[in-house]
Amino acid sequence: MAALLKDQIETPIGLMTLIAAGHIVKLLEFEDAAGRIEREVASRFPNATIQEAHNPSGLSDLIRRYFSGYLTAIDALETDGGGTAFERMVWAELRNIPCGRTISYGELATRIGNKNAMRA
C-alpha cells in the first residue's frame, strides 16, 4: 500500500485527524490522548506508512466547509475505512442517513438486514 496522508483539521468541536489515500478518506477521527488513531491505522492498514500532508486532494477543505455550515460538502466523499465486512456494511448504511436525522440502533440493524445486530 502506498503512503497514507495525514492532516490535522481545526473544527469548532476539536482537532480532527484525516487519513487519506489519494482522494479517498481512510480515517477521520477526533484527536485523543490515548493513541487510538495510531492503533486504528495499524490495525486496518498494517502495511501502510503515514506522511504528513496539507489538505490532501482538497479533503481537509471539504471537512472545514462542512463545519462552517455547508452540510452537504462531504456527501460525495469517497471512503474506505478498511474494517470487517460487517463494519463496512454498517458504515455504508450510516451514510444513507440524511444530515440532521437520527435513527435508533434497532432501525440501523433492520436496515442492514439483521435485526439482532443492534447491540453490535
PDB file of N, CA and C in Angstrom:
ATOM      1  N   MET A   1       0.848  -1.178   0.000  1.00  0.00           N
ATOM      2  CA  MET A   1       0.000   0.000   0.000  1.00  0.00           C
ATOM      3  C   MET A   1       0.889   1.235   0.000  1.00  0.00           C
ATOM      4  N   ALA A   2       0.496   2.210  -0.767  1.00  0.00           N
ATOM      5  CA  ALA A   2       1.225   3.481  -0.807  1.00  0.00           C
ATOM      6  C   ALA A   2       1.056   4.207   0.520  1.00  0.00           C
ATOM      7  N   ALA A   3       1.829   5.241   0.701  1.00  0.00           N
ATOM      8  CA  ALA A   3       1.760   6.010   1.934  1.00  0.00           C
ATOM      9  C   ALA A   3       0.391   6.640   2.101  1.00  0.00           C
ATOM     10  N   LEU A   4      -0.090   6.612   3.334  1.00  0.00           N
ATOM     11  CA  LEU A   4      -1.304   7.321   3.684  1.00  0.00           C
ATOM     12  C   LEU A   4      -0.921   8.744   4.066  1.00  0.00           C
ATOM     13  N   LEU A   5      -1.787   9.679   3.755  1.00  0.00           N
ATOM     14  CA  LEU A   5      -1.520  11.085   4.036  1.00  0.00           C
ATOM     15  C   LEU A   5      -2.324  11.523   5.249  1.00  0.00           C
ATOM     16  N   LYS A   6      -1.675  12.254   6.138  1.00  0.00           N
ATOM     17  CA  LYS A   6      -2.294  12.671   7.396  1.00  0.00           C
ATOM     18  C   LYS A   6      -2.322  14.193   7.481  1.00  0.00           C
ATOM     19  N   ASP A   7      -3.504  14.718   7.807  1.00  0.00           N
ATOM     20  CA  ASP A   7      -3.651  16.147   8.032  1.00  0.00           C
ATOM     21  C   ASP A   7      -4.448  16.337   9.310  1.00  0.00           C
ATOM     22  N   GLN A   8      -4.232  17.455   9.965  1.00  0.00           N
ATOM     23  CA  GLN A   8      -4.995  17.786  11.160  1.00  0.00           C
ATOM     24  C   GLN A   8      -5.853  19.003  10.847  1.00  0.00           C
ATOM     25  N   ILE A   9      -7.098  18.933  11.273  1.00  0.00           N
ATOM     26  CA  ILE A   9      -8.085  19.941  10.918  1.00  0.00           C
ATOM     27  C   ILE A   9      -8.684  20.524  12.193  1.00  0.00           C
ATOM     28  N   GLU A  10      -8.578  21.830  12.327  1.00  0.00           N
ATOM     29  CA  GLU A  10      -9.239  22.508  13.447  1.00  0.00           C
ATOM     30  C   GLU A  10     -10.728  22.590  13.140  1.00  0.00           C
ATOM     31  N   THR A  11     -11.556  22.178  14.094  1.00  0.00           N
ATOM     32  CA  THR A  11     -13.000  22.286  13.944  1.00  0.00           C
ATOM     33  C   THR A  11     -13.551  22.993  15.177  1.00  0.00           C
ATOM     34  N   PRO A  12     -14.782  23.449  15.123  1.00  0.00           N
ATOM     35  CA  PRO A  12     -15.372  24.113  16.285  1.00  0.00           C
ATOM     36  C   PRO A  12     -15.502  23.211  17.508  1.00  0.00           C
ATOM     37  N   ILE A  13     -15.424  21.899  17.311  1.00  0.00           N
ATOM     38  CA  ILE A  13     -15.586  20.980  18.444  1.00  0.00           C
ATOM     39  C   ILE A  13     -14.332  20.157  18.725  1.00  0.00           C
ATOM     40  N   GLY A  14     -13.220  20.567  18.175  1.00  0.00           N
ATOM     41  CA  GLY A  14     -11.958  19.899  18.479  1.00  0.00           C
ATOM     42  C   GLY A  14     -11.146  19.572  17.248  1.00  0.00           C
ATOM     43  N   LEU A  15      -9.926  19.159  17.502  1.00  0.00           N
ATOM     44  CA  LEU A  15      -8.986  18.821  16.439  1.00  0.00           C
ATOM     45  C   LEU A  15      -9.332  17.459  15.847  1.00  0.00           C
ATOM     46  N   MET A  16      -9.398  17.395  14.510  1.00  0.00           N
ATOM     47  CA  MET A  16      -9.644  16.133  13.810  1.00  0.00           C
ATOM     48  C   MET A  16      -8.392  15.724  13.059  1.00  0.00           C
ATOM     49  N   THR A  17      -8.224  14.427  12.955  1.00  0.00           N
ATOM     50  CA  THR A  17      -7.162  13.878  12.125  1.00  0.00           C
ATOM     51  C   THR A  17      -7.803  13.208  10.919  1.00  0.00           C
ATOM     52  N   LEU A  18      -7.307  13.563   9.753  1.00  0.00           N
ATOM     53  CA  LEU A  18      -7.744  12.980   8.495  1.00  0.00           C
ATOM     54  C   LEU A  18      -6.617  12.093   7.984  1.00  0.00           C
ATOM     55  N   ILE A  19      -6.943  10.859   7.646  1.00  0.00           N
ATOM     56  CA  ILE A  19      -6.011   9.951   6.992  1.00  0.00           C
ATOM     57  C   ILE A  19      -6.612   9.643   5.624  1.00  0.00           C
ATOM     58  N   ALA A  20      -5.835   9.858   4.567  1.00  0.00           N
ATOM     59  CA  ALA A  20      -6.350   9.683   3.211  1.00  0.00           C
ATOM     60  C   ALA A  20      -5.339   8.956   2.340  1.00  0.00           C
ATOM     61  N   ALA A  21      -5.878   8.351   1.305  1.00  0.00           N
ATOM     62  CA  ALA A  21      -5.064   7.773   0.233  1.00  0.00           C
ATOM     63  C   ALA A  21      -5.612   8.366  -1.058  1.00  0.00           C
ATOM     64  N   GLY A  22      -4.859   9.267  -1.643  1.00  0.00           N
ATOM     65  CA  GLY A  22      -5.370   9.978  -2.814  1.00  0.00           C
ATOM     66  C   GLY A  22      -6.590  10.777  -2.422  1.00  0.00           C
ATOM     67  N   HIS A  23      -7.697  10.566  -3.122  1.00  0.00           N
ATOM     68  CA  HIS A  23      -8.935  11.296  -2.839  1.00  0.00           C
ATOM     69  C   HIS A  23      -9.890  10.498  -1.942  1.00  0.00           C
ATOM     70  N   ILE A  24      -9.411   9.412  -1.351  1.00  0.00           N
ATOM     71  CA  ILE A  24     -10.264   8.535  -0.540  1.00  0.00           C
ATOM     72  C   ILE A  24      -9.948   8.717   0.947  1.00  0.00           C
ATOM     73  N   VAL A  25     -10.989   8.986   1.723  1.00  0.00           N
ATOM     74  CA  VAL A  25     -10.841   9.106   3.177  1.00  0.00           C
ATOM     75  C   VAL A  25     -10.732   7.706   3.766  1.00  0.00           C
ATOM     76  N   LYS A  26      -9.653   7.470   4.482  1.00  0.00           N
ATOM     77  CA  LYS A  26      -9.439   6.182   5.137  1.00  0.00           C
ATOM     78  C   LYS A  26      -9.858   6.222   6.599  1.00  0.00           C
ATOM     79  N   LEU A  27      -9.655   7.370   7.233  1.00  0.00           N
ATOM     80  CA  LEU A  27      -9.992   7.513   8.650  1.00  0.00           C
ATOM     81  C   LEU A  27     -10.195   8.986   8.942  1.00  0.00           C
ATOM     82  N   LEU A  28     -11.201   9.288   9.735  1.00  0.00           N
ATOM     83  CA  LEU A  28     -11.468  10.658  10.150  1.00  0.00           C
ATOM     84  C   LEU A  28     -11.907  10.578  11.594  1.00  0.00           C
ATOM     85  N   GLU A  29     -11.061  11.052  12.481  1.00  0.00           N
ATOM     86  CA  GLU A  29     -11.298  10.899  13.918  1.00  0.00           C
ATOM     87  C   GLU A  29     -10.955  12.184  14.640  1.00  0.00           C
ATOM     88  N   PHE A  30     -11.688  12.422  15.739  1.00  0.00           N
ATOM     89  CA  PHE A  30     -11.282  13.495  16.627  1.00  0.00           C
ATOM     90  C   PHE A  30     -10.050  13.036  17.383  1.00  0.00           C
ATOM     91  N   GLU A  31      -9.174  13.974  17.680  1.00  0.00           N
ATOM     92  CA  GLU A  31      -7.930  13.661  18.384  1.00  0.00           C
ATOM     93  C   GLU A  31      -8.214  13.094  19.767  1.00  0.00           C
ATOM     94  N   ASP A  32      -7.308  12.270  20.213  1.00  0.00           N
ATOM     95  CA  ASP A  32      -7.397  11.726  21.561  1.00  0.00           C
ATOM     96  C   ASP A  32      -5.996  11.550  22.118  1.00  0.00           C
ATOM     97  N   ALA A  33      -5.910  11.458  23.421  1.00  0.00           N
ATOM     98  CA  ALA A  33      -4.604  11.337  24.065  1.00  0.00           C
ATOM     99  C   ALA A  33      -4.169   9.890  24.211  1.00  0.00           C
ATOM    100  N   ALA A  34      -5.042   8.957  23.928  1.00  0.00           N
ATOM    101  CA  ALA A  34      -4.737   7.548  24.183  1.00  0.00           C
ATOM    102  C   ALA A  34      -4.129   6.826  22.987  1.00  0.00           C
ATOM    103  N   GLY A  35      -3.888   7.505  21.880  1.00  0.00           N
ATOM    104  CA  GLY A  35      -3.265   6.869  20.730  1.00  0.00           C
ATOM    105  C   GLY A  35      -4.200   5.988  19.908  1.00  0.00           C
ATOM    106  N   ARG A  36      -5.499   6.211  20.021  1.00  0.00           N
ATOM    107  CA  ARG A  36      -6.470   5.379  19.300  1.00  0.00           C
ATOM    108  C   ARG A  36      -6.270   5.457  17.787  1.00  0.00           C
ATOM    109  N   ILE A  37      -5.963   6.630  17.287  1.00  0.00           N
ATOM    110  CA  ILE A  37      -5.831   6.800  15.840  1.00  0.00           C
ATOM    111  C   ILE A  37      -4.689   5.947  15.299  1.00  0.00           C
ATOM    112  N   GLU A  38      -3.557   5.982  15.966  1.00  0.00           N
ATOM    113  CA  GLU A  38      -2.421   5.180  15.513  1.00  0.00           C
ATOM    114  C   GLU A  38      -2.744   3.693  15.569  1.00  0.00           C
ATOM    115  N   ARG A  39      -3.453   3.258  16.616  1.00  0.00           N
ATOM    116  CA  ARG A  39      -3.831   1.840  16.718  1.00  0.00           C
ATOM    117  C   ARG A  39      -4.794   1.451  15.602  1.00  0.00           C
ATOM    118  N   GLU A  40      -5.752   2.332  15.296  1.00  0.00           N
ATOM    119  CA  GLU A  40      -6.705   2.042  14.221  1.00  0.00           C
ATOM    120  C   GLU A  40      -6.005   1.920  12.877  1.00  0.00           C
ATOM    121  N   VAL A  41      -5.106   2.842  12.581  1.00  0.00           N
ATOM    122  CA  VAL A  41      -4.378   2.786  11.314  1.00  0.00           C
ATOM    123  C   VAL A  41      -3.554   1.506  11.238  1.00  0.00           C
ATOM    124  N   ALA A  42      -2.847   1.182  12.318  1.00  0.00           N
ATOM    125  CA  ALA A  42      -2.013  -0.032  12.325  1.00  0.00           C
ATOM    126  C   ALA A  42      -2.862  -1.290  12.160  1.00  0.00           C
ATOM    127  N   SER A  43      -4.044  -1.294  12.749  1.00  0.00           N
ATOM    128  CA  SER A  43      -4.927  -2.456  12.661  1.00  0.00           C
ATOM    129  C   SER A  43      -5.565  -2.598  11.285  1.00  0.00           C
ATOM    130  N   ARG A  44      -6.068  -1.498  10.743  1.00  0.00           N
ATOM    131  CA  ARG A  44      -6.799  -1.547   9.470  1.00  0.00           C
ATOM    132  C   ARG A  44      -5.894  -1.555   8.245  1.00  0.00           C
ATOM    133  N   PHE A  45      -4.746  -0.918   8.358  1.00  0.00           N
ATOM    134  CA  PHE A  45      -3.832  -0.770   7.215  1.00  0.00           C
ATOM    135  C   PHE A  45      -2.413  -1.115   7.660  1.00  0.00           C
ATOM    136  N   PRO A  46      -2.167  -2.380   7.990  1.00  0.00           N
ATOM    137  CA  PRO A  46      -0.902  -2.760   8.645  1.00  0.00           C
ATOM    138  C   PRO A  46       0.362  -2.495   7.827  1.00  0.00           C
ATOM    139  N   ASN A  47       0.279  -2.436   6.528  1.00  0.00           N
ATOM    140  CA  ASN A  47       1.477  -2.235   5.708  1.00  0.00           C
ATOM    141  C   ASN A  47       1.677  -0.789   5.282  1.00  0.00           C
ATOM    142  N   ALA A  48       0.853   0.101   5.791  1.00  0.00           N
ATOM    143  CA  ALA A  48       0.900   1.494   5.355  1.00  0.00           C
ATOM    144  C   ALA A  48       1.908   2.305   6.148  1.00  0.00           C
ATOM    145  N   THR A  49       2.450   3.291   5.483  1.00  0.00           N
ATOM    146  CA  THR A  49       3.238   4.313   6.158  1.00  0.00           C
ATOM    147  C   THR A  49       2.428   5.598   6.114  1.00  0.00           C
ATOM    148  N   ILE A  50       2.709   6.500   7.037  1.00  0.00           N
ATOM    149  CA  ILE A  50       1.956   7.742   7.113  1.00  0.00           C
ATOM    150  C   ILE A  50       2.889   8.913   6.881  1.00  0.00           C
ATOM    151  N   GLN A  51       2.450   9.828   6.017  1.00  0.00           N
ATOM    152  CA  GLN A  51       3.192  11.057   5.755  1.00  0.00           C
ATOM    153  C   GLN A  51       2.300  12.246   6.075  1.00  0.00           C
ATOM    154  N   GLU A  52       2.880  13.254   6.697  1.00  0.00           N
ATOM    155  CA  GLU A  52       2.148  14.493   6.955  1.00  0.00           C
ATOM    156  C   GLU A  52       1.863  15.170   5.618  1.00  0.00           C
ATOM    157  N   ALA A  53       0.678  15.741   5.496  1.00  0.00           N
ATOM    158  CA  ALA A  53       0.297  16.425   4.257  1.00  0.00           C
ATOM    159  C   ALA A  53      -0.637  17.574   4.607  1.00  0.00           C
ATOM    160  N   HIS A  54      -0.647  18.582   3.773  1.00  0.00           N
ATOM    161  CA  HIS A  54      -1.565  19.696   3.960  1.00  0.00           C
ATOM    162  C   HIS A  54      -2.701  19.574   2.954  1.00  0.00           C
ATOM    163  N   ASN A  55      -3.935  19.389   3.454  1.00  0.00           N
ATOM    164  CA  ASN A  55      -5.121  19.370   2.620  1.00  0.00           C
ATOM    165  C   ASN A  55      -5.020  18.363   1.465  1.00  0.00           C
ATOM    166  N   PRO A  56      -4.751  17.089   1.759  1.00  0.00           N
ATOM    167  CA  PRO A  56      -4.594  16.117   0.674  1.00  0.00           C
ATOM    168  C   PRO A  56      -5.845  16.031  -0.205  1.00  0.00           C
ATOM    169  N   SER A  57      -5.631  16.180  -1.494  1.00  0.00           N
ATOM    170  CA  SER A  57      -6.695  16.131  -2.510  1.00  0.00           C
ATOM    171  C   SER A  57      -7.874  17.052  -2.196  1.00  0.00           C
ATOM    172  N   GLY A  58      -7.642  18.097  -1.406  1.00  0.00           N
ATOM    173  CA  GLY A  58      -8.707  19.035  -1.060  1.00  0.00           C
ATOM    174  C   GLY A  58      -9.679  18.510  -0.007  1.00  0.00           C
ATOM    175  N   LEU A  59      -9.389  17.350   0.557  1.00  0.00           N
ATOM    176  CA  LEU A  59     -10.311  16.727   1.510  1.00  0.00           C
ATOM    177  C   LEU A  59     -10.456  17.535   2.796  1.00  0.00           C
ATOM    178  N   SER A  60      -9.381  18.075   3.290  1.00  0.00           N
ATOM    179  CA  SER A  60      -9.449  18.857   4.527  1.00  0.00           C
ATOM    180  C   SER A  60     -10.340  20.075   4.346  1.00  0.00           C
ATOM    181  N   ASP A  61     -10.259  20.702   3.174  1.00  0.00           N
ATOM    182  CA  ASP A  61     -11.117  21.858   2.902  1.00  0.00           C
ATOM    183  C   ASP A  61     -12.595  21.465   2.906  1.00  0.00           C
ATOM    184  N   LEU A  62     -12.911  20.272   2.412  1.00  0.00           N
ATOM    185  CA  LEU A  62     -14.313  19.819   2.431  1.00  0.00           C
ATOM    186  C   LEU A  62     -14.804  19.648   3.865  1.00  0.00           C
ATOM    187  N   ILE A  63     -13.960  19.114   4.720  1.00  0.00           N
ATOM    188  CA  ILE A  63     -14.332  18.958   6.130  1.00  0.00           C
ATOM    189  C   ILE A  63     -14.536  20.334   6.771  1.00  0.00           C
ATOM    190  N   ARG A  64     -13.645  21.262   6.472  1.00  0.00           N
ATOM    191  CA  ARG A  64     -13.794  22.624   7.001  1.00  0.00           C
ATOM    192  C   ARG A  64     -15.093  23.263   6.518  1.00  0.00           C
ATOM    193  N   ARG A  65     -15.432  23.062   5.245  1.00  0.00           N
ATOM    194  CA  ARG A  65     -16.683  23.613   4.701  1.00  0.00           C
ATOM    195  C   ARG A  65     -17.891  23.027   5.438  1.00  0.00           C
ATOM    196  N   TYR A  66     -17.844  21.742   5.708  1.00  0.00           N
ATOM    197  CA  TYR A  66     -18.928  21.106   6.450  1.00  0.00           C
ATOM    198  C   TYR A  66     -19.113  21.798   7.801  1.00  0.00           C
ATOM    199  N   PHE A  67     -18.024  21.985   8.516  1.00  0.00           N
ATOM    200  CA  PHE A  67     -18.110  22.592   9.847  1.00  0.00           C
ATOM    201  C   PHE A  67     -18.447  24.079   9.792  1.00  0.00           C
ATOM    202  N   SER A  68     -18.306  24.699   8.625  1.00  0.00           N
ATOM    203  CA  SER A  68     -18.691  26.106   8.513  1.00  0.00           C
ATOM    204  C   SER A  68     -20.154  26.260   8.086  1.00  0.00           C
ATOM    205  N   GLY A  69     -20.862  25.154   7.957  1.00  0.00           N
ATOM    206  CA  GLY A  69     -22.290  25.222   7.678  1.00  0.00           C
ATOM    207  C   GLY A  69     -22.754  24.628   6.369  1.00  0.00           C
ATOM    208  N   TYR A  70     -21.842  24.267   5.493  1.00  0.00           N
ATOM    209  CA  TYR A  70     -22.214  23.638   4.224  1.00  0.00           C
ATOM    210  C   TYR A  70     -22.305  22.131   4.441  1.00  0.00           C
ATOM    211  N   LEU A  71     -23.426  21.684   4.983  1.00  0.00           N
ATOM    212  CA  LEU A  71     -23.557  20.308   5.450  1.00  0.00           C
ATOM    213  C   LEU A  71     -23.495  19.269   4.346  1.00  0.00           C
ATOM    214  N   THR A  72     -23.711  19.671   3.111  1.00  0.00           N
ATOM    215  CA  THR A  72     -23.631  18.714   2.002  1.00  0.00           C
ATOM    216  C   THR A  72     -22.223  18.626   1.415  1.00  0.00           C
ATOM    217  N   ALA A  73     -21.282  19.389   1.959  1.00  0.00           N
ATOM    218  CA  ALA A  73     -19.915  19.421   1.413  1.00  0.00           C
ATOM    219  C   ALA A  73     -19.252  18.048   1.436  1.00  0.00           C
ATOM    220  N   ILE A  74     -19.660  17.185   2.354  1.00  0.00           N
ATOM    221  CA  ILE A  74     -18.997  15.888   2.475  1.00  0.00           C
ATOM    222  C   ILE A  74     -19.811  14.737   1.877  1.00  0.00           C
ATOM    223  N   ASP A  75     -20.945  15.054   1.281  1.00  0.00           N
ATOM    224  CA  ASP A  75     -21.815  13.996   0.760  1.00  0.00           C
ATOM    225  C   ASP A  75     -21.125  13.102  -0.269  1.00  0.00           C
ATOM    226  N   ALA A  76     -20.294  13.663  -1.101  1.00  0.00           N
ATOM    227  CA  ALA A  76     -19.683  12.889  -2.187  1.00  0.00           C
ATOM    228  C   ALA A  76     -18.314  12.308  -1.821  1.00  0.00           C
ATOM    229  N   LEU A  77     -17.873  12.486  -0.575  1.00  0.00           N
ATOM    230  CA  LEU A  77     -16.571  11.944  -0.192  1.00  0.00           C
ATOM    231  C   LEU A  77     -16.544  10.431  -0.395  1.00  0.00           C
ATOM    232  N   GLU A  78     -15.471   9.968  -0.998  1.00  0.00           N
ATOM    233  CA  GLU A  78     -15.260   8.524  -1.091  1.00  0.00           C
ATOM    234  C   GLU A  78     -14.555   8.078   0.169  1.00  0.00           C
ATOM    235  N   THR A  79     -15.021   6.973   0.724  1.00  0.00           N
ATOM    236  CA  THR A  79     -14.421   6.450   1.940  1.00  0.00           C
ATOM    237  C   THR A  79     -14.067   4.981   1.772  1.00  0.00           C
ATOM    238  N   ASP A  80     -13.046   4.569   2.468  1.00  0.00           N
ATOM    239  CA  ASP A  80     -12.659   3.157   2.551  1.00  0.00           C
ATOM    240  C   ASP A  80     -11.910   2.998   3.859  1.00  0.00           C
ATOM    241  N   GLY A  81     -12.650   2.699   4.908  1.00  0.00           N
ATOM    242  CA  GLY A  81     -12.057   2.607   6.230  1.00  0.00           C
ATOM    243  C   GLY A  81     -11.521   1.244   6.592  1.00  0.00           C
ATOM    244  N   GLY A  82     -11.388   0.364   5.596  1.00  0.00           N
ATOM    245  CA  GLY A  82     -10.951  -0.980   5.938  1.00  0.00           C
ATOM    246  C   GLY A  82     -12.061  -1.646   6.733  1.00  0.00           C
ATOM    247  N   GLY A  83     -11.722  -2.299   7.812  1.00  0.00           N
ATOM    248  CA  GLY A  83     -12.723  -2.906   8.679  1.00  0.00           C
ATOM    249  C   GLY A  83     -13.235  -4.229   8.161  1.00  0.00           C
ATOM    250  N   THR A  84     -14.057  -4.847   8.998  1.00  0.00           N
ATOM    251  CA  THR A  84     -14.652  -6.137   8.648  1.00  0.00           C
ATOM    252  C   THR A  84     -15.798  -5.920   7.663  1.00  0.00           C
ATOM    253  N   ALA A  85     -16.278  -6.993   7.085  1.00  0.00           N
ATOM    254  CA  ALA A  85     -17.418  -6.902   6.169  1.00  0.00           C
ATOM    255  C   ALA A  85     -18.622  -6.313   6.901  1.00  0.00           C
ATOM    256  N   PHE A  86     -18.848  -6.715   8.145  1.00  0.00           N
ATOM    257  CA  PHE A  86     -19.956  -6.178   8.925  1.00  0.00           C
ATOM    258  C   PHE A  86     -19.788  -4.681   9.158  1.00  0.00           C
ATOM    259  N   GLU A  87     -18.595  -4.256   9.549  1.00  0.00           N
ATOM    260  CA  GLU A  87     -18.349  -2.826   9.766  1.00  0.00           C
ATOM    261  C   GLU A  87     -18.586  -2.026   8.490  1.00  0.00           C
ATOM    262  N   ARG A  88     -18.101  -2.517   7.374  1.00  0.00           N
ATOM    263  CA  ARG A  88     -18.291  -1.811   6.104  1.00  0.00           C
ATOM    264  C   ARG A  88     -19.770  -1.689   5.753  1.00  0.00           C
ATOM    265  N   MET A  89     -20.548  -2.740   6.038  1.00  0.00           N
ATOM    266  CA  MET A  89     -21.978  -2.706   5.765  1.00  0.00           C
ATOM    267  C   MET A  89     -22.662  -1.651   6.651  1.00  0.00           C
ATOM    268  N   VAL A  90     -22.299  -1.601   7.922  1.00  0.00           N
ATOM    269  CA  VAL A  90     -22.882  -0.615   8.843  1.00  0.00           C
ATOM    270  C   VAL A  90     -22.492   0.791   8.406  1.00  0.00           C
ATOM    271  N   TRP A  91     -21.215   1.013   8.117  1.00  0.00           N
ATOM    272  CA  TRP A  91     -20.755   2.345   7.705  1.00  0.00           C
ATOM    273  C   TRP A  91     -21.455   2.813   6.434  1.00  0.00           C
ATOM    274  N   ALA A  92     -21.641   1.894   5.491  1.00  0.00           N
ATOM    275  CA  ALA A  92     -22.327   2.261   4.248  1.00  0.00           C
ATOM    276  C   ALA A  92     -23.766   2.681   4.537  1.00  0.00           C
ATOM    277  N   GLU A  93     -24.433   1.973   5.418  1.00  0.00           N
ATOM    278  CA  GLU A  93     -25.815   2.331   5.754  1.00  0.00           C
ATOM    279  C   GLU A  93     -25.882   3.643   6.524  1.00  0.00           C
ATOM    280  N   LEU A  94     -24.910   3.903   7.371  1.00  0.00           N
ATOM    281  CA  LEU A  94     -24.884   5.174   8.097  1.00  0.00           C
ATOM    282  C   LEU A  94     -24.828   6.356   7.136  1.00  0.00           C
ATOM    283  N   ARG A  95     -24.175   6.174   6.019  1.00  0.00           N
ATOM    284  CA  ARG A  95     -24.079   7.267   5.038  1.00  0.00           C
ATOM    285  C   ARG A  95     -25.417   7.548   4.361  1.00  0.00           C
ATOM    286  N   ASN A  96     -26.377   6.647   4.501  1.00  0.00           N
ATOM    287  CA  ASN A  96     -27.701   6.855   3.929  1.00  0.00           C
ATOM    288  C   ASN A  96     -28.630   7.650   4.847  1.00  0.00           C
ATOM    289  N   ILE A  97     -28.187   7.971   6.044  1.00  0.00           N
ATOM    290  CA  ILE A  97     -28.992   8.761   6.970  1.00  0.00           C
ATOM    291  C   ILE A  97     -28.769  10.234   6.630  1.00  0.00           C
ATOM    292  N   PRO A  98     -29.832  10.944   6.290  1.00  0.00           N
ATOM    293  CA  PRO A  98     -29.668  12.357   5.928  1.00  0.00           C
ATOM    294  C   PRO A  98     -29.098  13.177   7.083  1.00  0.00           C
ATOM    295  N   CYS A  99     -28.345  14.182   6.740  1.00  0.00           N
ATOM    296  CA  CYS A  99     -27.763  15.079   7.728  1.00  0.00           C
ATOM    297  C   CYS A  99     -28.879  15.683   8.582  1.00  0.00           C
ATOM    298  N   GLY A 100     -28.671  15.675   9.878  1.00  0.00           N
ATOM    299  CA  GLY A 100     -29.650  16.235  10.800  1.00  0.00           C
ATOM    300  C   GLY A 100     -30.697  15.238  11.267  1.00  0.00           C
ATOM    301  N   ARG A 101     -30.664  14.040  10.756  1.00  0.00           N
ATOM    302  CA  ARG A 101     -31.609  12.994  11.148  1.00  0.00           C
ATOM    303  C   ARG A 101     -30.905  11.985  12.049  1.00  0.00           C
ATOM    304  N   THR A 102     -31.685  11.304  12.833  1.00  0.00           N
ATOM    305  CA  THR A 102     -31.154  10.228  13.667  1.00  0.00           C
ATOM    306  C   THR A 102     -32.023   8.992  13.478  1.00  0.00           C
ATOM    307  N   ILE A 103     -31.427   7.843  13.721  1.00  0.00           N
ATOM    308  CA  ILE A 103     -32.181   6.596  13.770  1.00  0.00           C
ATOM    309  C   ILE A 103     -31.664   5.820  14.964  1.00  0.00           C
ATOM    310  N   SER A 104     -32.427   4.842  15.397  1.00  0.00           N
ATOM    311  CA  SER A 104     -32.010   4.013  16.526  1.00  0.00           C
ATOM    312  C   SER A 104     -31.077   2.907  16.043  1.00  0.00           C
ATOM    313  N   TYR A 105     -30.380   2.284  16.997  1.00  0.00           N
ATOM    314  CA  TYR A 105     -29.559   1.135  16.655  1.00  0.00           C
ATOM    315  C   TYR A 105     -30.430   0.012  16.090  1.00  0.00           C
ATOM    316  N   GLY A 106     -31.647  -0.116  16.635  1.00  0.00           N
ATOM    317  CA  GLY A 106     -32.563  -1.139  16.133  1.00  0.00           C
ATOM    318  C   GLY A 106     -32.935  -0.910  14.683  1.00  0.00           C
ATOM    319  N   GLU A 107     -33.215   0.341  14.320  1.00  0.00           N
ATOM    320  CA  GLU A 107     -33.543   0.640  12.933  1.00  0.00           C
ATOM    321  C   GLU A 107     -32.343   0.398  12.028  1.00  0.00           C
ATOM    322  N   LEU A 108     -31.156   0.766  12.486  1.00  0.00           N
ATOM    323  CA  LEU A 108     -29.949   0.517  11.697  1.00  0.00           C
ATOM    324  C   LEU A 108     -29.778  -0.984  11.464  1.00  0.00           C
ATOM    325  N   ALA A 109     -29.967  -1.775  12.517  1.00  0.00           N
ATOM    326  CA  ALA A 109     -29.839  -3.231  12.387  1.00  0.00           C
ATOM    327  C   ALA A 109     -30.847  -3.774  11.374  1.00  0.00           C
ATOM    328  N   THR A 110     -32.075  -3.270  11.432  1.00  0.00           N
ATOM    329  CA  THR A 110     -33.099  -3.704  10.481  1.00  0.00           C
ATOM    330  C   THR A 110     -32.711  -3.322   9.059  1.00  0.00           C
ATOM    331  N   ARG A 111     -32.183  -2.123   8.882  1.00  0.00           N
ATOM    332  CA  ARG A 111     -31.791  -1.667   7.549  1.00  0.00           C
ATOM    333  C   ARG A 111     -30.701  -2.527   6.928  1.00  0.00           C
ATOM    334  N   ILE A 112     -29.809  -3.074   7.758  1.00  0.00           N
ATOM    335  CA  ILE A 112     -28.741  -3.914   7.199  1.00  0.00           C
ATOM    336  C   ILE A 112     -29.168  -5.382   7.109  1.00  0.00           C
ATOM    337  N   GLY A 113     -30.434  -5.636   7.474  1.00  0.00           N
ATOM    338  CA  GLY A 113     -30.971  -6.987   7.308  1.00  0.00           C
ATOM    339  C   GLY A 113     -30.675  -7.938   8.444  1.00  0.00           C
ATOM    340  N   ASN A 114     -30.332  -7.397   9.617  1.00  0.00           N
ATOM    341  CA  ASN A 114     -30.045  -8.257  10.767  1.00  0.00           C
ATOM    342  C   ASN A 114     -30.546  -7.565  12.030  1.00  0.00           C
ATOM    343  N   LYS A 115     -31.841  -7.746  12.295  1.00  0.00           N
ATOM    344  CA  LYS A 115     -32.440  -7.019  13.421  1.00  0.00           C
ATOM    345  C   LYS A 115     -31.805  -7.362  14.766  1.00  0.00           C
ATOM    346  N   ASN A 116     -31.078  -8.465  14.857  1.00  0.00           N
ATOM    347  CA  ASN A 116     -30.414  -8.841  16.104  1.00  0.00           C
ATOM    348  C   ASN A 116     -29.047  -8.175  16.280  1.00  0.00           C
ATOM    349  N   ALA A 117     -28.619  -7.395  15.294  1.00  0.00           N
ATOM    350  CA  ALA A 117     -27.299  -6.771  15.343  1.00  0.00           C
ATOM    351  C   ALA A 117     -27.297  -5.416  16.051  1.00  0.00           C
ATOM    352  N   MET A 118     -28.408  -5.049  16.662  1.00  0.00           N
ATOM    353  CA  MET A 118     -28.499  -3.711  17.263  1.00  0.00           C
ATOM    354  C   MET A 118     -27.480  -3.478  18.358  1.00  0.00           C
ATOM    355  N   ARG A 119     -27.012  -4.502  19.012  1.00  0.00           N
ATOM    356  CA  ARG A 119     -26.020  -4.320  20.076  1.00  0.00           C
ATOM    357  C   ARG A 119     -24.595  -4.386  19.543  1.00  0.00           C
ATOM    358  N   ALA A 120     -24.433  -4.852  18.331  1.00  0.00           N
ATOM    359  CA  ALA A 120     -23.092  -4.947  17.747  1.00  0.00           C
ATOM    360  C   ALA A 120     -22.648  -3.598  17.285  1.00  0.00           C
TER     361      ALA A 120
END
